[in-house]
Amino acid sequence: MSALTTTKELHKMSPKDLLKEIIAQENTVVKLRLGVKLGKEKDSAKYIREKKQLARMKTVYSSVSSSSEKNEN
């Protein structure tokens, strides 16, 4: 998945697929954070962009999962 996935595209995903993407994004953020701290990664703005994308994904996941729970009841 591209780093700049829109929220509309995220809303179209199933909760299972979205959760897989969140886990992958968390791994990316951890690697970038280590790279920035150790001085291996020169583009610290990339770390910030990826971290914001992770926050967007988690927000969409919480709204999608809560709406799916409402539909089940």
PDB file of N, CA and C in Angstrom:
ATOM      1  N   MET A   1       0.850  -1.174   0.000  1.00  0.00           N
ATOM      2  CA  MET A   1       0.000   0.000   0.000  1.00  0.00           C
ATOM      3  C   MET A   1       0.896   1.238   0.000  1.00  0.00           C
ATOM      4  N   SER A   2       0.443   2.234  -0.707  1.00  0.00           N
ATOM      5  CA  SER A   2       1.230   3.459  -0.779  1.00  0.00           C
ATOM      6  C   SER A   2       1.182   4.200   0.552  1.00  0.00           C
ATOM      7  N   ALA A   3       2.166   5.033   0.765  1.00  0.00           N
ATOM      8  CA  ALA A   3       2.254   5.761   2.025  1.00  0.00           C
ATOM      9  C   ALA A   3       1.170   6.828   2.138  1.00  0.00           C
ATOM     10  N   LEU A   4       0.644   7.266   1.023  1.00  0.00           N
ATOM     11  CA  LEU A   4      -0.334   8.343   1.047  1.00  0.00           C
ATOM     12  C   LEU A   4      -1.724   7.834   0.678  1.00  0.00           C
ATOM     13  N   THR A   5      -2.172   6.804   1.342  1.00  0.00           N
ATOM     14  CA  THR A   5      -3.503   6.271   1.120  1.00  0.00           C
ATOM     15  C   THR A   5      -4.524   7.248   1.703  1.00  0.00           C
ATOM     16  N   THR A   6      -5.541   7.563   0.930  1.00  0.00           N
ATOM     17  CA  THR A   6      -6.543   8.507   1.408  1.00  0.00           C
ATOM     18  C   THR A   6      -7.476   7.836   2.403  1.00  0.00           C
ATOM     19  N   THR A   7      -8.153   8.652   3.168  1.00  0.00           N
ATOM     20  CA  THR A   7      -9.084   8.107   4.152  1.00  0.00           C
ATOM     21  C   THR A   7     -10.268   7.439   3.459  1.00  0.00           C
ATOM     22  N   LYS A   8     -10.641   7.901   2.281  1.00  0.00           N
ATOM     23  CA  LYS A   8     -11.722   7.251   1.538  1.00  0.00           C
ATOM     24  C   LYS A   8     -11.339   5.826   1.170  1.00  0.00           C
ATOM     25  N   GLU A   9     -10.093   5.650   0.739  1.00  0.00           N
ATOM     26  CA  GLU A   9      -9.622   4.306   0.401  1.00  0.00           C
ATOM     27  C   GLU A   9      -9.568   3.437   1.645  1.00  0.00           C
ATOM     28  N   LEU A  10      -9.192   4.022   2.759  1.00  0.00           N
ATOM     29  CA  LEU A  10      -9.132   3.254   4.003  1.00  0.00           C
ATOM     30  C   LEU A  10     -10.524   2.834   4.457  1.00  0.00           C
ATOM     31  N   HIS A  11     -11.504   3.699   4.285  1.00  0.00           N
ATOM     32  CA  HIS A  11     -12.874   3.377   4.678  1.00  0.00           C
ATOM     33  C   HIS A  11     -13.451   2.243   3.840  1.00  0.00           C
ATOM     34  N   LYS A  12     -12.985   2.080   2.612  1.00  0.00           N
ATOM     35  CA  LYS A  12     -13.476   1.026   1.730  1.00  0.00           C
ATOM     36  C   LYS A  12     -12.921  -0.348   2.110  1.00  0.00           C
ATOM     37  N   MET A  13     -11.835  -0.372   2.857  1.00  0.00           N
ATOM     38  CA  MET A  13     -11.199  -1.637   3.226  1.00  0.00           C
ATOM     39  C   MET A  13     -11.995  -2.344   4.314  1.00  0.00           C
ATOM     40  N   SER A  14     -11.872  -3.666   4.331  1.00  0.00           N
ATOM     41  CA  SER A  14     -12.517  -4.431   5.396  1.00  0.00           C
ATOM     42  C   SER A  14     -11.691  -4.251   6.677  1.00  0.00           C
ATOM     43  N   PRO A  15     -12.327  -4.413   7.838  1.00  0.00           N
ATOM     44  CA  PRO A  15     -11.588  -4.254   9.096  1.00  0.00           C
ATOM     45  C   PRO A  15     -10.388  -5.202   9.219  1.00  0.00           C
ATOM     46  N   LYS A  16     -10.517  -6.412   8.684  1.00  0.00           N
ATOM     47  CA  LYS A  16      -9.413  -7.374   8.739  1.00  0.00           C
ATOM     48  C   LYS A  16      -8.207  -6.879   7.936  1.00  0.00           C
ATOM     49  N   ASP A  17      -8.483  -6.424   6.717  1.00  0.00           N
ATOM     50  CA  ASP A  17      -7.405  -5.918   5.859  1.00  0.00           C
ATOM     51  C   ASP A  17      -6.787  -4.654   6.447  1.00  0.00           C
ATOM     52  N   LEU A  18      -7.629  -3.818   7.018  1.00  0.00           N
ATOM     53  CA  LEU A  18      -7.149  -2.578   7.620  1.00  0.00           C
ATOM     54  C   LEU A  18      -6.234  -2.874   8.804  1.00  0.00           C
ATOM     55  N   LEU A  19      -6.589  -3.875   9.577  1.00  0.00           N
ATOM     56  CA  LEU A  19      -5.757  -4.251  10.721  1.00  0.00           C
ATOM     57  C   LEU A  19      -4.392  -4.768  10.261  1.00  0.00           C
ATOM     58  N   LYS A  20      -4.363  -5.527   9.165  1.00  0.00           N
ATOM     59  CA  LYS A  20      -3.092  -6.005   8.608  1.00  0.00           C
ATOM     60  C   LYS A  20      -2.222  -4.836   8.173  1.00  0.00           C
ATOM     61  N   GLU A  21      -2.843  -3.843   7.541  1.00  0.00           N
ATOM     62  CA  GLU A  21      -2.110  -2.664   7.092  1.00  0.00           C
ATOM     63  C   GLU A  21      -1.594  -1.847   8.272  1.00  0.00           C
ATOM     64  N   ILE A  22      -2.359  -1.794   9.342  1.00  0.00           N
ATOM     65  CA  ILE A  22      -1.933  -1.059  10.536  1.00  0.00           C
ATOM     66  C   ILE A  22      -0.692  -1.720  11.135  1.00  0.00           C
ATOM     67  N   ILE A  23      -0.694  -3.029  11.198  1.00  0.00           N
ATOM     68  CA  ILE A  23       0.462  -3.747  11.743  1.00  0.00           C
ATOM     69  C   ILE A  23       1.697  -3.498  10.882  1.00  0.00           C
ATOM     70  N   ALA A  24       1.533  -3.536   9.573  1.00  0.00           N
ATOM     71  CA  ALA A  24       2.653  -3.270   8.666  1.00  0.00           C
ATOM     72  C   ALA A  24       3.154  -1.833   8.829  1.00  0.00           C
ATOM     73  N   GLN A  25       2.220  -0.902   8.978  1.00  0.00           N
ATOM     74  CA  GLN A  25       2.588   0.508   9.150  1.00  0.00           C
ATOM     75  C   GLN A  25       3.316   0.720  10.472  1.00  0.00           C
ATOM     76  N   GLU A  26       2.885   0.031  11.525  1.00  0.00           N
ATOM     77  CA  GLU A  26       3.573   0.144  12.817  1.00  0.00           C
ATOM     78  C   GLU A  26       5.018  -0.318  12.703  1.00  0.00           C
ATOM     79  N   ASN A  27       5.238  -1.406  11.959  1.00  0.00           N
ATOM     80  CA  ASN A  27       6.606  -1.891  11.752  1.00  0.00           C
ATOM     81  C   ASN A  27       7.442  -0.870  10.995  1.00  0.00           C
ATOM     82  N   THR A  28       6.851  -0.242   9.998  1.00  0.00           N
ATOM     83  CA  THR A  28       7.554   0.784   9.229  1.00  0.00           C
ATOM     84  C   THR A  28       7.944   1.966  10.115  1.00  0.00           C
ATOM     85  N   VAL A  29       7.006   2.395  10.965  1.00  0.00           N
ATOM     86  CA  VAL A  29       7.271   3.530  11.844  1.00  0.00           C
ATOM     87  C   VAL A  29       8.385   3.203  12.833  1.00  0.00           C
ATOM     88  N   VAL A  30       8.372   1.992  13.364  1.00  0.00           N
ATOM     89  CA  VAL A  30       9.420   1.593  14.313  1.00  0.00           C
ATOM     90  C   VAL A  30      10.784   1.601  13.633  1.00  0.00           C
ATOM     91  N   LYS A  31      10.857   1.051  12.425  1.00  0.00           N
ATOM     92  CA  LYS A  31      12.129   1.029  11.693  1.00  0.00           C
ATOM     93  C   LYS A  31      12.627   2.436  11.390  1.00  0.00           C
ATOM     94  N   LEU A  32      11.710   3.309  10.978  1.00  0.00           N
ATOM     95  CA  LEU A  32      12.106   4.688  10.683  1.00  0.00           C
ATOM     96  C   LEU A  32      12.562   5.415  11.940  1.00  0.00           C
ATOM     97  N   ARG A  33      11.869   5.180  13.051  1.00  0.00           N
ATOM     98  CA  ARG A  33      12.250   5.839  14.297  1.00  0.00           C
ATOM     99  C   ARG A  33      13.665   5.425  14.700  1.00  0.00           C
ATOM    100  N   LEU A  34      13.956   4.128  14.590  1.00  0.00           N
ATOM    101  CA  LEU A  34      15.305   3.667  14.908  1.00  0.00           C
ATOM    102  C   LEU A  34      16.332   4.269  13.952  1.00  0.00           C
ATOM    103  N   GLY A  35      15.983   4.322  12.676  1.00  0.00           N
ATOM    104  CA  GLY A  35      16.893   4.897  11.694  1.00  0.00           C
ATOM    105  C   GLY A  35      17.200   6.353  11.970  1.00  0.00           C
ATOM    106  N   VAL A  36      16.186   7.109  12.370  1.00  0.00           N
ATOM    107  CA  VAL A  36      16.391   8.525  12.675  1.00  0.00           C
ATOM    108  C   VAL A  36      17.238   8.673  13.934  1.00  0.00           C
ATOM    109  N   LYS A  37      16.930   7.875  14.951  1.00  0.00           N
ATOM    110  CA  LYS A  37      17.683   7.965  16.214  1.00  0.00           C
ATOM    111  C   LYS A  37      19.148   7.596  16.030  1.00  0.00           C
ATOM    112  N   LEU A  38      19.404   6.586  15.209  1.00  0.00           N
ATOM    113  CA  LEU A  38      20.777   6.143  14.996  1.00  0.00           C
ATOM    114  C   LEU A  38      21.505   6.959  13.933  1.00  0.00           C
ATOM    115  N   GLY A  39      20.791   7.828  13.250  1.00  0.00           N
ATOM    116  CA  GLY A  39      21.424   8.670  12.242  1.00  0.00           C
ATOM    117  C   GLY A  39      21.523   8.012  10.883  1.00  0.00           C
ATOM    118  N   LYS A  40      20.918   6.842  10.710  1.00  0.00           N
ATOM    119  CA  LYS A  40      20.972   6.159   9.415  1.00  0.00           C
ATOM    120  C   LYS A  40      19.974   6.761   8.436  1.00  0.00           C
ATOM    121  N   GLU A  41      18.846   7.179   8.941  1.00  0.00           N
ATOM    122  CA  GLU A  41      17.796   7.778   8.098  1.00  0.00           C
ATOM    123  C   GLU A  41      17.971   9.292   8.101  1.00  0.00           C
ATOM    124  N   LYS A  42      18.171   9.857   6.920  1.00  0.00           N
ATOM    125  CA  LYS A  42      18.397  11.300   6.810  1.00  0.00           C
ATOM    126  C   LYS A  42      17.082  12.075   6.711  1.00  0.00           C
ATOM    127  N   ASP A  43      16.052  11.429   6.202  1.00  0.00           N
ATOM    128  CA  ASP A  43      14.774  12.098   5.975  1.00  0.00           C
ATOM    129  C   ASP A  43      13.861  11.905   7.190  1.00  0.00           C
ATOM    130  N   SER A  44      14.008  12.770   8.175  1.00  0.00           N
ATOM    131  CA  SER A  44      13.189  12.659   9.380  1.00  0.00           C
ATOM    132  C   SER A  44      11.736  13.057   9.113  1.00  0.00           C
ATOM    133  N   ALA A  45      11.495  13.805   8.062  1.00  0.00           N
ATOM    134  CA  ALA A  45      10.127  14.176   7.705  1.00  0.00           C
ATOM    135  C   ALA A  45       9.336  12.953   7.247  1.00  0.00           C
ATOM    136  N   LYS A  46      10.020  11.997   6.663  1.00  0.00           N
ATOM    137  CA  LYS A  46       9.362  10.758   6.246  1.00  0.00           C
ATOM    138  C   LYS A  46       8.814  10.027   7.465  1.00  0.00           C
ATOM    139  N   TYR A  47       9.554  10.027   8.553  1.00  0.00           N
ATOM    140  CA  TYR A  47       9.106   9.405   9.803  1.00  0.00           C
ATOM    141  C   TYR A  47       7.824  10.083  10.286  1.00  0.00           C
ATOM    142  N   ILE A  48       7.780  11.383  10.232  1.00  0.00           N
ATOM    143  CA  ILE A  48       6.605  12.129  10.688  1.00  0.00           C
ATOM    144  C   ILE A  48       5.398  11.824   9.797  1.00  0.00           C
ATOM    145  N   ARG A  49       5.614  11.777   8.466  1.00  0.00           N
ATOM    146  CA  ARG A  49       4.519  11.461   7.543  1.00  0.00           C
ATOM    147  C   ARG A  49       3.955  10.070   7.807  1.00  0.00           C
ATOM    148  N   GLU A  50       4.837   9.108   7.999  1.00  0.00           N
ATOM    149  CA  GLU A  50       4.405   7.732   8.230  1.00  0.00           C
ATOM    150  C   GLU A  50       3.684   7.601   9.572  1.00  0.00           C
ATOM    151  N   LYS A  51       4.135   8.345  10.555  1.00  0.00           N
ATOM    152  CA  LYS A  51       3.491   8.321  11.868  1.00  0.00           C
ATOM    153  C   LYS A  51       2.080   8.908  11.787  1.00  0.00           C
ATOM    154  N   LYS A  52       1.919   9.978  11.027  1.00  0.00           N
ATOM    155  CA  LYS A  52       0.598  10.572  10.840  1.00  0.00           C
ATOM    156  C   LYS A  52      -0.322   9.624  10.074  1.00  0.00           C
ATOM    157  N   GLN A  53       0.234   8.937   9.087  1.00  0.00           N
ATOM    158  CA  GLN A  53      -0.554   7.968   8.325  1.00  0.00           C
ATOM    159  C   GLN A  53      -1.034   6.840   9.238  1.00  0.00           C
ATOM    160  N   LEU A  54      -0.183   6.397  10.147  1.00  0.00           N
ATOM    161  CA  LEU A  54      -0.565   5.365  11.103  1.00  0.00           C
ATOM    162  C   LEU A  54      -1.714   5.852  11.978  1.00  0.00           C
ATOM    163  N   ALA A  55      -1.658   7.084  12.413  1.00  0.00           N
ATOM    164  CA  ALA A  55      -2.729   7.646  13.229  1.00  0.00           C
ATOM    165  C   ALA A  55      -4.036   7.701  12.436  1.00  0.00           C
ATOM    166  N   ARG A  56      -3.955   8.076  11.156  1.00  0.00           N
ATOM    167  CA  ARG A  56      -5.152   8.092  10.310  1.00  0.00           C
ATOM    168  C   ARG A  56      -5.752   6.697  10.192  1.00  0.00           C
ATOM    169  N   MET A  57      -4.883   5.717   9.977  1.00  0.00           N
ATOM    170  CA  MET A  57      -5.341   4.345   9.816  1.00  0.00           C
ATOM    171  C   MET A  57      -6.029   3.841  11.083  1.00  0.00           C
ATOM    172  N   LYS A  58      -5.461   4.157  12.227  1.00  0.00           N
ATOM    173  CA  LYS A  58      -6.060   3.721  13.486  1.00  0.00           C
ATOM    174  C   LYS A  58      -7.399   4.403  13.730  1.00  0.00           C
ATOM    175  N   THR A  59      -7.501   5.666  13.357  1.00  0.00           N
ATOM    176  CA  THR A  59      -8.757   6.389  13.516  1.00  0.00           C
ATOM    177  C   THR A  59      -9.847   5.784  12.634  1.00  0.00           C
ATOM    178  N   VAL A  60      -9.510   5.514  11.388  1.00  0.00           N
ATOM    179  CA  VAL A  60     -10.475   4.908  10.475  1.00  0.00           C
ATOM    180  C   VAL A  60     -10.861   3.518  10.970  1.00  0.00           C
ATOM    181  N   TYR A  61      -9.887   2.768  11.456  1.00  0.00           N
ATOM    182  CA  TYR A  61     -10.174   1.421  11.958  1.00  0.00           C
ATOM    183  C   TYR A  61     -11.155   1.464  13.123  1.00  0.00           C
ATOM    184  N   SER A  62     -10.966   2.401  14.031  1.00  0.00           N
ATOM    185  CA  SER A  62     -11.873   2.482  15.172  1.00  0.00           C
ATOM    186  C   SER A  62     -13.279   2.867  14.731  1.00  0.00           C
ATOM    187  N   SER A  63     -13.396   3.757  13.748  1.00  0.00           N
ATOM    188  CA  SER A  63     -14.728   4.136  13.271  1.00  0.00           C
ATOM    189  C   SER A  63     -15.380   2.997  12.483  1.00  0.00           C
ATOM    190  N   VAL A  64     -14.593   2.288  11.684  1.00  0.00           N
ATOM    191  CA  VAL A  64     -15.134   1.180  10.903  1.00  0.00           C
ATOM    192  C   VAL A  64     -15.548   0.033  11.817  1.00  0.00           C
ATOM    193  N   SER A  65     -14.722  -0.282  12.785  1.00  0.00           N
ATOM    194  CA  SER A  65     -15.053  -1.393  13.678  1.00  0.00           C
ATOM    195  C   SER A  65     -16.246  -1.055  14.568  1.00  0.00           C
ATOM    196  N   SER A  66     -16.372   0.198  14.991  1.00  0.00           N
ATOM    197  CA  SER A  66     -17.526   0.565  15.818  1.00  0.00           C
ATOM    198  C   SER A  66     -18.809   0.582  14.990  1.00  0.00           C
ATOM    199  N   SER A  67     -18.730   0.983  13.724  1.00  0.00           N
ATOM    200  CA  SER A  67     -19.921   0.970  12.873  1.00  0.00           C
ATOM    201  C   SER A  67     -20.326  -0.452  12.525  1.00  0.00           C
ATOM    202  N   SER A  68     -19.361  -1.356  12.369  1.00  0.00           N
ATOM    203  CA  SER A  68     -19.706  -2.744  12.084  1.00  0.00           C
ATOM    204  C   SER A  68     -20.335  -3.410  13.305  1.00  0.00           C
ATOM    205  N   GLU A  69     -19.934  -3.007  14.517  1.00  0.00           N
ATOM    206  CA  GLU A  69     -20.553  -3.534  15.721  1.00  0.00           C
ATOM    207  C   GLU A  69     -21.981  -3.051  15.844  1.00  0.00           C
ATOM    208  N   LYS A  70     -22.251  -1.806  15.467  1.00  0.00           N
ATOM    209  CA  LYS A  70     -23.603  -1.255  15.519  1.00  0.00           C
ATOM    210  C   LYS A  70     -24.511  -1.979  14.535  1.00  0.00           C
ATOM    211  N   ASN A  71     -23.961  -2.340  13.363  1.00  0.00           N
ATOM    212  CA  ASN A  71     -24.749  -3.039  12.345  1.00  0.00           C
ATOM    213  C   ASN A  71     -25.094  -4.451  12.783  1.00  0.00           C
ATOM    214  N   GLU A  72     -24.239  -5.076  13.573  1.00  0.00           N
ATOM    215  CA  GLU A  72     -24.493  -6.438  14.034  1.00  0.00           C
ATOM    216  C   GLU A  72     -25.590  -6.479  15.082  1.00  0.00           C
ATOM    217  N   ASN A  73     -25.733  -5.428  15.872  1.00  0.00           N
ATOM    218  CA  ASN A  73     -26.739  -5.413  16.942  1.00  0.00           C
ATOM    219  C   ASN A  73     -28.082  -5.094  16.428  1.00  0.00           C
TER     220      ASN A  73
END
